[in-house]
PDB file of N, CA and C in Angstrom:
ATOM      1  N   MET A   1      72.881  99.195  99.122  1.00  0.00           N
ATOM      2  CA  MET A   1      74.105  99.324  99.887  1.00  0.00           C
ATOM      3  C   MET A   1      73.831  99.183 101.382  1.00  0.00           C
ATOM      4  N   GLN A   2      72.624  99.532 101.802  1.00  0.00           N
ATOM      5  CA  GLN A   2      72.311  99.460 103.229  1.00  0.00           C
ATOM      6  C   GLN A   2      72.406  98.026 103.754  1.00  0.00           C
ATOM      7  N   ASN A   3      71.991  97.039 102.941  1.00  0.00           N
ATOM      8  CA  ASN A   3      72.096  95.636 103.370  1.00  0.00           C
ATOM      9  C   ASN A   3      73.553  95.222 103.558  1.00  0.00           C
ATOM     10  N   ILE A   4      74.415  95.691 102.678  1.00  0.00           N
ATOM     11  CA  ILE A   4      75.846  95.394 102.803  1.00  0.00           C
ATOM     12  C   ILE A   4      76.382  96.016 104.085  1.00  0.00           C
ATOM     13  N   LYS A   5      76.019  97.260 104.324  1.00  0.00           N
ATOM     14  CA  LYS A   5      76.487  97.957 105.524  1.00  0.00           C
ATOM     15  C   LYS A   5      75.996  97.262 106.789  1.00  0.00           C
ATOM     16  N   ASN A   6      74.727  96.867 106.816  1.00  0.00           N
ATOM     17  CA  ASN A   6      74.171  96.186 107.991  1.00  0.00           C
ATOM     18  C   ASN A   6      74.884  94.864 108.263  1.00  0.00           C
ATOM     19  N   LYS A   7      75.145  94.092 107.213  1.00  0.00           N
ATOM     20  CA  LYS A   7      75.812  92.802 107.389  1.00  0.00           C
ATOM     21  C   LYS A   7      77.258  93.003 107.835  1.00  0.00           C
ATOM     22  N   PHE A   8      77.935  93.983 107.276  1.00  0.00           N
ATOM     23  CA  PHE A   8      79.303  94.280 107.698  1.00  0.00           C
ATOM     24  C   PHE A   8      79.329  94.576 109.193  1.00  0.00           C
ATOM     25  N   LYS A   9      78.417  95.417 109.673  1.00  0.00           N
ATOM     26  CA  LYS A   9      78.378  95.777 111.093  1.00  0.00           C
ATOM     27  C   LYS A   9      78.010  94.571 111.964  1.00  0.00           C
ATOM     28  N   GLU A  10      77.224  93.639 111.417  1.00  0.00           N
ATOM     29  CA  GLU A  10      76.888  92.415 112.146  1.00  0.00           C
ATOM     30  C   GLU A  10      78.123  91.509 112.284  1.00  0.00           C
ATOM     31  N   ILE A  11      78.885  91.387 111.218  1.00  0.00           N
ATOM     32  CA  ILE A  11      80.061  90.516 111.218  1.00  0.00           C
ATOM     33  C   ILE A  11      81.220  91.149 111.982  1.00  0.00           C
ATOM     34  N   TYR A  12      81.405  92.438 111.807  1.00  0.00           N
ATOM     35  CA  TYR A  12      82.533  93.175 112.398  1.00  0.00           C
ATOM     36  C   TYR A  12      82.013  94.331 113.258  1.00  0.00           C
ATOM     37  N   PRO A  13      81.349  94.053 114.374  1.00  0.00           N
ATOM     38  CA  PRO A  13      80.702  95.125 115.145  1.00  0.00           C
ATOM     39  C   PRO A  13      81.666  96.166 115.710  1.00  0.00           C
ATOM     40  N   GLU A  14      82.926  95.808 115.888  1.00  0.00           N
ATOM     41  CA  GLU A  14      83.887  96.751 116.468  1.00  0.00           C
ATOM     42  C   GLU A  14      84.515  97.684 115.436  1.00  0.00           C
ATOM     43  N   LEU A  15      84.173  97.516 114.151  1.00  0.00           N
ATOM     44  CA  LEU A  15      84.788  98.307 113.094  1.00  0.00           C
ATOM     45  C   LEU A  15      83.810  99.302 112.479  1.00  0.00           C
ATOM     46  N   SER A  16      84.351 100.395 111.982  1.00  0.00           N
ATOM     47  CA  SER A  16      83.554 101.355 111.226  1.00  0.00           C
ATOM     48  C   SER A  16      83.392 100.839 109.806  1.00  0.00           C
ATOM     49  N   PHE A  17      82.211 101.059 109.241  1.00  0.00           N
ATOM     50  CA  PHE A  17      81.977 100.648 107.857  1.00  0.00           C
ATOM     51  C   PHE A  17      82.832 101.509 106.937  1.00  0.00           C
ATOM     52  N   PRO A  18      83.534 100.871 105.987  1.00  0.00           N
ATOM     53  CA  PRO A  18      84.400 101.641 105.095  1.00  0.00           C
ATOM     54  C   PRO A  18      83.576 102.418 104.061  1.00  0.00           C
ATOM     55  N   GLU A  19      83.786 103.699 104.023  1.00  0.00           N
ATOM     56  CA  GLU A  19      83.083 104.528 103.045  1.00  0.00           C
ATOM     57  C   GLU A  19      84.073 105.459 102.382  1.00  0.00           C
ATOM     58  N   GLY A  20      83.847 105.748 101.127  1.00  0.00           N
ATOM     59  CA  GLY A  20      84.647 106.736 100.440  1.00  0.00           C
ATOM     60  C   GLY A  20      85.793 106.194  99.616  1.00  0.00           C
ATOM     61  N   GLN A  21      86.193 104.953  99.821  1.00  0.00           N
ATOM     62  CA  GLN A  21      87.274 104.366  99.028  1.00  0.00           C
ATOM     63  C   GLN A  21      86.834 103.014  98.487  1.00  0.00           C
ATOM     64  N   VAL A  22      87.325 102.663  97.316  1.00  0.00           N
ATOM     65  CA  VAL A  22      86.992 101.378  96.695  1.00  0.00           C
ATOM     66  C   VAL A  22      87.632 100.229  97.450  1.00  0.00           C
ATOM     67  N   ARG A  23      88.846 100.450  97.945  1.00  0.00           N
ATOM     68  CA  ARG A  23      89.545  99.408  98.700  1.00  0.00           C
ATOM     69  C   ARG A  23      90.390 100.051  99.783  1.00  0.00           C
ATOM     70  N   GLY A  24      90.675  99.231 100.788  1.00  0.00           N
ATOM     71  CA  GLY A  24      91.484  99.737 101.882  1.00  0.00           C
ATOM     72  C   GLY A  24      91.475  98.777 103.053  1.00  0.00           C
ATOM     73  N   THR A  25      91.744  99.311 104.235  1.00  0.00           N
ATOM     74  CA  THR A  25      91.802  98.520 105.460  1.00  0.00           C
ATOM     75  C   THR A  25      91.096  99.272 106.567  1.00  0.00           C
ATOM     76  N   VAL A  26      90.330  98.532 107.379  1.00  0.00           N
ATOM     77  CA  VAL A  26      89.783  99.062 108.625  1.00  0.00           C
ATOM     78  C   VAL A  26      90.304  98.159 109.736  1.00  0.00           C
ATOM     79  N   GLU A  27      90.645  98.775 110.869  1.00  0.00           N
ATOM     80  CA  GLU A  27      91.290  98.011 111.933  1.00  0.00           C
ATOM     81  C   GLU A  27      90.759  98.394 113.298  1.00  0.00           C
ATOM     82  N   SER A  28      90.841  97.426 114.189  1.00  0.00           N
ATOM     83  CA  SER A  28      90.635  97.655 115.608  1.00  0.00           C
ATOM     84  C   SER A  28      91.864  97.096 116.314  1.00  0.00           C
ATOM     85  N   GLU A  29      91.830  97.076 117.614  1.00  0.00           N
ATOM     86  CA  GLU A  29      92.974  96.561 118.370  1.00  0.00           C
ATOM     87  C   GLU A  29      93.256  95.095 118.055  1.00  0.00           C
ATOM     88  N   ASN A  30      92.199  94.303 117.820  1.00  0.00           N
ATOM     89  CA  ASN A  30      92.355  92.861 117.650  1.00  0.00           C
ATOM     90  C   ASN A  30      92.054  92.346 116.252  1.00  0.00           C
ATOM     91  N   LEU A  31      91.682  93.231 115.322  1.00  0.00           N
ATOM     92  CA  LEU A  31      91.213  92.755 114.025  1.00  0.00           C
ATOM     93  C   LEU A  31      91.628  93.712 112.918  1.00  0.00           C
ATOM     94  N   SER A  32      92.041  93.136 111.803  1.00  0.00           N
ATOM     95  CA  SER A  32      92.368  93.901 110.605  1.00  0.00           C
ATOM     96  C   SER A  32      91.542  93.341 109.455  1.00  0.00           C
ATOM     97  N   VAL A  33      90.824  94.219 108.750  1.00  0.00           N
ATOM     98  CA  VAL A  33      89.980  93.782 107.639  1.00  0.00           C
ATOM     99  C   VAL A  33      90.341  94.575 106.395  1.00  0.00           C
ATOM    100  N   ARG A  34      90.806  93.869 105.387  1.00  0.00           N
ATOM    101  CA  ARG A  34      90.990  94.464 104.059  1.00  0.00           C
ATOM    102  C   ARG A  34      89.645  94.390 103.372  1.00  0.00           C
ATOM    103  N   TYR A  35      89.313  95.375 102.567  1.00  0.00           N
ATOM    104  CA  TYR A  35      88.033  95.373 101.872  1.00  0.00           C
ATOM    105  C   TYR A  35      88.191  95.871 100.450  1.00  0.00           C
ATOM    106  N   CYS A  36      87.228  95.483  99.619  1.00  0.00           N
ATOM    107  CA  CYS A  36      87.206  95.909  98.226  1.00  0.00           C
ATOM    108  C   CYS A  36      85.761  95.868  97.736  1.00  0.00           C
ATOM    109  N   PHE A  37      85.236  97.015  97.332  1.00  0.00           N
ATOM    110  CA  PHE A  37      83.908  97.071  96.734  1.00  0.00           C
ATOM    111  C   PHE A  37      84.009  96.675  95.273  1.00  0.00           C
ATOM    112  N   GLY A  38      82.970  96.026  94.769  1.00  0.00           N
ATOM    113  CA  GLY A  38      82.946  95.628  93.368  1.00  0.00           C
ATOM    114  C   GLY A  38      81.524  95.431  92.893  1.00  0.00           C
ATOM    115  N   GLU A  39      81.407  95.013  91.643  1.00  0.00           N
ATOM    116  CA  GLU A  39      80.114  94.685  91.046  1.00  0.00           C
ATOM    117  C   GLU A  39      80.232  93.345  90.349  1.00  0.00           C
ATOM    118  N   ASP A  40      79.162  92.536  90.445  1.00  0.00           N
ATOM    119  CA  ASP A  40      79.174  91.249  89.761  1.00  0.00           C
ATOM    120  C   ASP A  40      78.911  91.448  88.276  1.00  0.00           C
ATOM    121  N   GLU A  41      78.794  90.354  87.530  1.00  0.00           N
ATOM    122  CA  GLU A  41      78.611  90.411  86.086  1.00  0.00           C
ATOM    123  C   GLU A  41      77.333  91.119  85.664  1.00  0.00           C
ATOM    124  N   ASN A  42      76.371  91.287  86.594  1.00  0.00           N
ATOM    125  CA  ASN A  42      75.120  91.991  86.306  1.00  0.00           C
ATOM    126  C   ASN A  42      75.132  93.427  86.815  1.00  0.00           C
ATOM    127  N   GLY A  43      76.278  93.883  87.289  1.00  0.00           N
ATOM    128  CA  GLY A  43      76.382  95.247  87.795  1.00  0.00           C
ATOM    129  C   GLY A  43      75.832  95.425  89.200  1.00  0.00           C
ATOM    130  N   VAL A  44      75.612  94.309  89.914  1.00  0.00           N
ATOM    131  CA  VAL A  44      75.080  94.354  91.278  1.00  0.00           C
ATOM    132  C   VAL A  44      76.249  94.492  92.256  1.00  0.00           C
ATOM    133  N   PRO A  45      76.182  95.459  93.167  1.00  0.00           N
ATOM    134  CA  PRO A  45      77.315  95.707  94.061  1.00  0.00           C
ATOM    135  C   PRO A  45      77.517  94.626  95.124  1.00  0.00           C
ATOM    136  N   TYR A  46      78.770  94.498  95.555  1.00  0.00           N
ATOM    137  CA  TYR A  46      79.136  93.615  96.658  1.00  0.00           C
ATOM    138  C   TYR A  46      80.322  94.230  97.379  1.00  0.00           C
ATOM    139  N   LEU A  47      80.629  93.666  98.532  1.00  0.00           N
ATOM    140  CA  LEU A  47      81.819  94.048  99.295  1.00  0.00           C
ATOM    141  C   LEU A  47      82.559  92.785  99.666  1.00  0.00           C
ATOM    142  N   ASP A  48      83.805  92.659  99.203  1.00  0.00           N
ATOM    143  CA  ASP A  48      84.650  91.540  99.598  1.00  0.00           C
ATOM    144  C   ASP A  48      85.493  91.980 100.783  1.00  0.00           C
ATOM    145  N   THR A  49      85.635  91.086 101.761  1.00  0.00           N
ATOM    146  CA  THR A  49      86.454  91.369 102.932  1.00  0.00           C
ATOM    147  C   THR A  49      87.408  90.214 103.180  1.00  0.00           C
ATOM    148  N   TYR A  50      88.562  90.562 103.729  1.00  0.00           N
ATOM    149  CA  TYR A  50      89.519  89.561 104.169  1.00  0.00           C
ATOM    150  C   TYR A  50      89.979  89.985 105.551  1.00  0.00           C
ATOM    151  N   SER A  51      89.596  89.208 106.537  1.00  0.00           N
ATOM    152  CA  SER A  51      89.938  89.556 107.913  1.00  0.00           C
ATOM    153  C   SER A  51      90.948  88.555 108.455  1.00  0.00           C
ATOM    154  N   SER A  52      91.782  89.065 109.343  1.00  0.00           N
ATOM    155  CA  SER A  52      92.751  88.184 109.972  1.00  0.00           C
ATOM    156  C   SER A  52      92.996  88.657 111.397  1.00  0.00           C
ATOM    157  N   ASN A  53      93.181  87.675 112.242  1.00  0.00           N
ATOM    158  CA  ASN A  53      93.574  87.938 113.634  1.00  0.00           C
ATOM    159  C   ASN A  53      94.351  86.712 114.115  1.00  0.00           C
ATOM    160  N   LYS A  54      94.645  86.661 115.390  1.00  0.00           N
ATOM    161  CA  LYS A  54      95.461  85.551 115.891  1.00  0.00           C
ATOM    162  C   LYS A  54      94.756  84.200 115.805  1.00  0.00           C
ATOM    163  N   MET A  55      93.437  84.191 115.572  1.00  0.00           N
ATOM    164  CA  MET A  55      92.688  82.937 115.482  1.00  0.00           C
ATOM    165  C   MET A  55      92.591  82.402 114.055  1.00  0.00           C
ATOM    166  N   GLY A  56      92.984  83.208 113.070  1.00  0.00           N
ATOM    167  CA  GLY A  56      92.910  82.749 111.690  1.00  0.00           C
ATOM    168  C   GLY A  56      92.434  83.839 110.762  1.00  0.00           C
ATOM    169  N   SER A  57      91.949  83.437 109.592  1.00  0.00           N
ATOM    170  CA  SER A  57      91.513  84.404 108.595  1.00  0.00           C
ATOM    171  C   SER A  57      90.186  83.974 107.976  1.00  0.00           C
ATOM    172  N   MET A  58      89.516  84.966 107.355  1.00  0.00           N
ATOM    173  CA  MET A  58      88.216  84.721 106.738  1.00  0.00           C
ATOM    174  C   MET A  58      88.102  85.632 105.511  1.00  0.00           C
ATOM    175  N   HIS A  59      87.696  85.072 104.394  1.00  0.00           N
ATOM    176  CA  HIS A  59      87.520  85.802 103.141  1.00  0.00           C
ATOM    177  C   HIS A  59      86.054  85.678 102.760  1.00  0.00           C
ATOM    178  N   LEU A  60      85.340  86.797 102.760  1.00  0.00           N
ATOM    179  CA  LEU A  60      83.897  86.786 102.528  1.00  0.00           C
ATOM    180  C   LEU A  60      83.490  87.766 101.445  1.00  0.00           C
ATOM    181  N   ARG A  61      82.377  87.457 100.790  1.00  0.00           N
ATOM    182  CA  ARG A  61      81.682  88.413  99.930  1.00  0.00           C
ATOM    183  C   ARG A  61      80.347  88.717 100.600  1.00  0.00           C
ATOM    184  N   ILE A  62      80.095  89.997 100.813  1.00  0.00           N
ATOM    185  CA  ILE A  62      78.790  90.439 101.307  1.00  0.00           C
ATOM    186  C   ILE A  62      78.040  90.956 100.087  1.00  0.00           C
ATOM    187  N   LYS A  63      76.960  90.263  99.755  1.00  0.00           N
ATOM    188  CA  LYS A  63      76.190  90.601  98.558  1.00  0.00           C
ATOM    189  C   LYS A  63      75.213  91.743  98.840  1.00  0.00           C
ATOM    190  N   HIS A  64      74.672  92.314  97.762  1.00  0.00           N
ATOM    191  CA  HIS A  64      73.776  93.471  97.868  1.00  0.00           C
ATOM    192  C   HIS A  64      72.568  93.220  98.756  1.00  0.00           C
ATOM    193  N   ASN A  65      72.143  91.966  98.870  1.00  0.00           N
ATOM    194  CA  ASN A  65      70.973  91.632  99.692  1.00  0.00           C
ATOM    195  C   ASN A  65      71.351  91.270 101.130  1.00  0.00           C
ATOM    196  N   GLY A  66      72.620  91.378 101.458  1.00  0.00           N
ATOM    197  CA  GLY A  66      73.079  91.077 102.812  1.00  0.00           C
ATOM    198  C   GLY A  66      73.527  89.647 103.025  1.00  0.00           C
ATOM    199  N   GLU A  67      73.348  88.790 102.032  1.00  0.00           N
ATOM    200  CA  GLU A  67      73.828  87.416 102.153  1.00  0.00           C
ATOM    201  C   GLU A  67      75.345  87.403 102.035  1.00  0.00           C
ATOM    202  N   THR A  68      75.966  86.389 102.656  1.00  0.00           N
ATOM    203  CA  THR A  68      77.412  86.258 102.568  1.00  0.00           C
ATOM    204  C   THR A  68      77.782  84.979 101.836  1.00  0.00           C
ATOM    205  N   GLU A  69      78.936  85.025 101.219  1.00  0.00           N
ATOM    206  CA  GLU A  69      79.491  83.865 100.520  1.00  0.00           C
ATOM    207  C   GLU A  69      80.940  83.719 100.968  1.00  0.00           C
ATOM    208  N   ALA A  70      81.296  82.547 101.445  1.00  0.00           N
ATOM    209  CA  ALA A  70      82.682  82.282 101.824  1.00  0.00           C
ATOM    210  C   ALA A  70      83.513  82.124 100.563  1.00  0.00           C
ATOM    211  N   LEU A  71      84.648  82.806 100.517  1.00  0.00           N
ATOM    212  CA  LEU A  71      85.563  82.742  99.385  1.00  0.00           C
ATOM    213  C   LEU A  71      86.852  82.048  99.817  1.00  0.00           C
ATOM    214  N   ASP A  72      87.654  81.657  98.836  1.00  0.00           N
ATOM    215  CA  ASP A  72      88.905  80.955  99.130  1.00  0.00           C
ATOM    216  C   ASP A  72      89.799  81.754 100.062  1.00  0.00           C
ATOM    217  N   THR A  73      90.465  81.037 100.940  1.00  0.00           N
ATOM    218  CA  THR A  73      91.467  81.627 101.815  1.00  0.00           C
ATOM    219  C   THR A  73      92.613  80.636 101.947  1.00  0.00           C
ATOM    220  N   TYR A  74      93.639  81.051 102.657  1.00  0.00           N
ATOM    221  CA  TYR A  74      94.788  80.177 102.852  1.00  0.00           C
ATOM    222  C   TYR A  74      94.399  78.920 103.626  1.00  0.00           C
ATOM    223  N   GLN A  75      95.022  77.823 103.278  1.00  0.00           N
ATOM    224  CA  GLN A  75      94.877  76.595 104.051  1.00  0.00           C
ATOM    225  C   GLN A  75      95.954  76.601 105.119  1.00  0.00           C
ATOM    226  N   GLU A  76      95.553  76.373 106.354  1.00  0.00           N
ATOM    227  CA  GLU A  76      96.495  76.390 107.479  1.00  0.00           C
ATOM    228  C   GLU A  76      97.431  75.182 107.471  1.00  0.00           C
ATOM    229  N   GLY A  77      96.960  74.069 107.013  1.00  0.00           N
ATOM    230  CA  GLY A  77      97.762  72.855 107.021  1.00  0.00           C
ATOM    231  C   GLY A  77      97.246  71.885 105.972  1.00  0.00           C
ATOM    232  N   PHE A  78      97.739  70.679 106.023  1.00  0.00           N
ATOM    233  CA  PHE A  78      97.294  69.650 105.088  1.00  0.00           C
ATOM    234  C   PHE A  78      97.373  68.300 105.773  1.00  0.00           C
ATOM    235  N   SER A  79      96.664  67.348 105.209  1.00  0.00           N
ATOM    236  CA  SER A  79      96.704  65.995 105.764  1.00  0.00           C
ATOM    237  C   SER A  79      97.080  65.014 104.652  1.00  0.00           C
ATOM    238  N   TYR A  80      97.567  63.873 105.077  1.00  0.00           N
ATOM    239  CA  TYR A  80      97.993  62.849 104.136  1.00  0.00           C
ATOM    240  C   TYR A  80      97.941  61.501 104.846  1.00  0.00           C
ATOM    241  N   ASP A  81      98.008  60.465 104.045  1.00  0.00           N
ATOM    242  CA  ASP A  81      97.999  59.101 104.568  1.00  0.00           C
ATOM    243  C   ASP A  81      99.444  58.584 104.590  1.00  0.00           C
ATOM    244  N   PRO A  82     100.025  58.413 105.773  1.00  0.00           N
ATOM    245  CA  PRO A  82     101.428  57.964 105.842  1.00  0.00           C
ATOM    246  C   PRO A  82     101.633  56.549 105.302  1.00  0.00           C
ATOM    247  N   ASP A  83     100.529  55.813 105.119  1.00  0.00           N
ATOM    248  CA  ASP A  83     100.644  54.456 104.587  1.00  0.00           C
ATOM    249  C   ASP A  83     100.710  54.418 103.064  1.00  0.00           C
ATOM    250  N   ILE A  84     100.515  55.553 102.426  1.00  0.00           N
ATOM    251  CA  ILE A  84     100.575  55.618 100.964  1.00  0.00           C
ATOM    252  C   ILE A  84     101.877  56.311 100.566  1.00  0.00           C
ATOM    253  N   PRO A  85     102.751  55.598  99.902  1.00  0.00           N
ATOM    254  CA  PRO A  85     104.030  56.201  99.489  1.00  0.00           C
ATOM    255  C   PRO A  85     103.802  57.449  98.626  1.00  0.00           C
ATOM    256  N   GLY A  86     104.486  58.526  98.977  1.00  0.00           N
ATOM    257  CA  GLY A  86     104.393  59.761  98.200  1.00  0.00           C
ATOM    258  C   GLY A  86     103.202  60.646  98.539  1.00  0.00           C
ATOM    259  N   ASP A  87     102.333  60.189  99.440  1.00  0.00           N
ATOM    260  CA  ASP A  87     101.136  60.969  99.724  1.00  0.00           C
ATOM    261  C   ASP A  87     101.456  62.279 100.443  1.00  0.00           C
ATOM    262  N   GLU A  88     102.462  62.250 101.315  1.00  0.00           N
ATOM    263  CA  GLU A  88     102.834  63.488 102.007  1.00  0.00           C
ATOM    264  C   GLU A  88     103.329  64.529 101.004  1.00  0.00           C
ATOM    265  N   GLU A  89     104.153  64.122 100.052  1.00  0.00           N
ATOM    266  CA  GLU A  89     104.659  65.046  99.046  1.00  0.00           C
ATOM    267  C   GLU A  89     103.524  65.594  98.183  1.00  0.00           C
ATOM    268  N   ARG A  90     102.574  64.712  97.808  1.00  0.00           N
ATOM    269  CA  ARG A  90     101.421  65.148  97.013  1.00  0.00           C
ATOM    270  C   ARG A  90     100.625  66.202  97.781  1.00  0.00           C
ATOM    271  N   ALA A  91     100.302  65.915  99.046  1.00  0.00           N
ATOM    272  CA  ALA A  91      99.506  66.825  99.856  1.00  0.00           C
ATOM    273  C   ALA A  91     100.241  68.145 100.081  1.00  0.00           C
ATOM    274  N   GLN A  92     101.542  68.054 100.307  1.00  0.00           N
ATOM    275  CA  GLN A  92     102.339  69.267 100.520  1.00  0.00           C
ATOM    276  C   GLN A  92     102.347  70.131  99.257  1.00  0.00           C
ATOM    277  N   LYS A  93     102.462  69.514  98.098  1.00  0.00           N
ATOM    278  CA  LYS A  93     102.445  70.257  96.840  1.00  0.00           C
ATOM    279  C   LYS A  93     101.074  70.903  96.614  1.00  0.00           C
ATOM    280  N   GLU A  94      99.994  70.154  96.837  1.00  0.00           N
ATOM    281  CA  GLU A  94      98.649  70.718  96.675  1.00  0.00           C
ATOM    282  C   GLU A  94      98.442  71.906  97.607  1.00  0.00           C
ATOM    283  N   HIS A  95      98.927  71.790  98.833  1.00  0.00           N
ATOM    284  CA  HIS A  95      98.826  72.865  99.828  1.00  0.00           C
ATOM    285  C   HIS A  95      99.576  74.105  99.337  1.00  0.00           C
ATOM    286  N   ARG A  96     100.784  73.922  98.862  1.00  0.00           N
ATOM    287  CA  ARG A  96     101.592  75.042  98.371  1.00  0.00           C
ATOM    288  C   ARG A  96     100.949  75.696  97.154  1.00  0.00           C
ATOM    289  N   VAL A  97     100.485  74.896  96.197  1.00  0.00           N
ATOM    290  CA  VAL A  97      99.858  75.427  94.984  1.00  0.00           C
ATOM    291  C   VAL A  97      98.595  76.216  95.345  1.00  0.00           C
ATOM    292  N   HIS A  98      97.783  75.671  96.235  1.00  0.00           N
ATOM    293  CA  HIS A  98      96.565  76.363  96.665  1.00  0.00           C
ATOM    294  C   HIS A  98      96.915  77.706  97.303  1.00  0.00           C
ATOM    295  N   ASN A  99      97.839  77.703  98.251  1.00  0.00           N
ATOM    296  CA  ASN A  99      98.176  78.935  98.965  1.00  0.00           C
ATOM    297  C   ASN A  99      98.848  79.964  98.056  1.00  0.00           C
ATOM    298  N   GLU A 100      99.618  79.531  97.080  1.00  0.00           N
ATOM    299  CA  GLU A 100     100.196  80.469  96.120  1.00  0.00           C
ATOM    300  C   GLU A 100      99.100  81.107  95.271  1.00  0.00           C
ATOM    301  N   ARG A 101      98.114  80.306  94.845  1.00  0.00           N
ATOM    302  CA  ARG A 101      96.997  80.825  94.043  1.00  0.00           C
ATOM    303  C   ARG A 101      96.181  81.823  94.862  1.00  0.00           C
ATOM    304  N   VAL A 102      95.859  81.463  96.099  1.00  0.00           N
ATOM    305  CA  VAL A 102      95.084  82.347  96.966  1.00  0.00           C
ATOM    306  C   VAL A 102      95.871  83.625  97.258  1.00  0.00           C
ATOM    307  N   GLY A 103      97.160  83.499  97.512  1.00  0.00           N
ATOM    308  CA  GLY A 103      97.987  84.669  97.767  1.00  0.00           C
ATOM    309  C   GLY A 103      97.970  85.652  96.621  1.00  0.00           C
ATOM    310  N   LYS A 104      98.062  85.157  95.405  1.00  0.00           N
ATOM    311  CA  LYS A 104      98.024  86.026  94.225  1.00  0.00           C
ATOM    312  C   LYS A 104      96.652  86.684  94.111  1.00  0.00           C
ATOM    313  N   MET A 105      95.584  85.903  94.285  1.00  0.00           N
ATOM    314  CA  MET A 105      94.237  86.438  94.185  1.00  0.00           C
ATOM    315  C   MET A 105      94.014  87.539  95.232  1.00  0.00           C
ATOM    316  N   LEU A 106      94.405  87.296  96.482  1.00  0.00           N
ATOM    317  CA  LEU A 106      94.222  88.286  97.537  1.00  0.00           C
ATOM    318  C   LEU A 106      95.059  89.537  97.249  1.00  0.00           C
ATOM    319  N   SER A 107      96.277  89.349  96.787  1.00  0.00           N
ATOM    320  CA  SER A 107      97.132  90.482  96.460  1.00  0.00           C
ATOM    321  C   SER A 107      96.530  91.323  95.346  1.00  0.00           C
ATOM    322  N   ASP A 108      96.051  90.670  94.294  1.00  0.00           N
ATOM    323  CA  ASP A 108      95.443  91.390  93.160  1.00  0.00           C
ATOM    324  C   ASP A 108      94.194  92.141  93.596  1.00  0.00           C
ATOM    325  N   LYS A 109      93.421  91.556  94.477  1.00  0.00           N
ATOM    326  CA  LYS A 109      92.152  92.149  94.886  1.00  0.00           C
ATOM    327  C   LYS A 109      92.307  93.278  95.910  1.00  0.00           C
ATOM    328  N   PHE A 110      93.135  93.057  96.902  1.00  0.00           N
ATOM    329  CA  PHE A 110      93.163  93.973  98.047  1.00  0.00           C
ATOM    330  C   PHE A 110      94.363  94.909  98.092  1.00  0.00           C
ATOM    331  N   TYR A 111      95.400  94.687  97.275  1.00  0.00           N
ATOM    332  CA  TYR A 111      96.604  95.517  97.398  1.00  0.00           C
ATOM    333  C   TYR A 111      96.936  96.266  96.129  1.00  0.00           C
TER     334      TYR A 111
END
């Protein structure tokens, strides 16, 4: 657990490490981080975090050894080729489907 705590403090130096609850929120003036402790399929602990501020959001897993893994988050926008008929609609649909899936996953995990 110490490696997880050290990495959390490295990534979020202005926040207190969350202790005592499986999930919750830690906040500072400029940053809000939702967190959820869990175990992988081998029973090895991890801490998932979802942070957001005015610059964007980040969804990370901090593993027991202190390594991090980027997890899915919302897509801010989408791109398409205006020269291909229907491409804007395709890209817009993919964007919506992705963000709906991520929204459900984040809600199930953190709320």
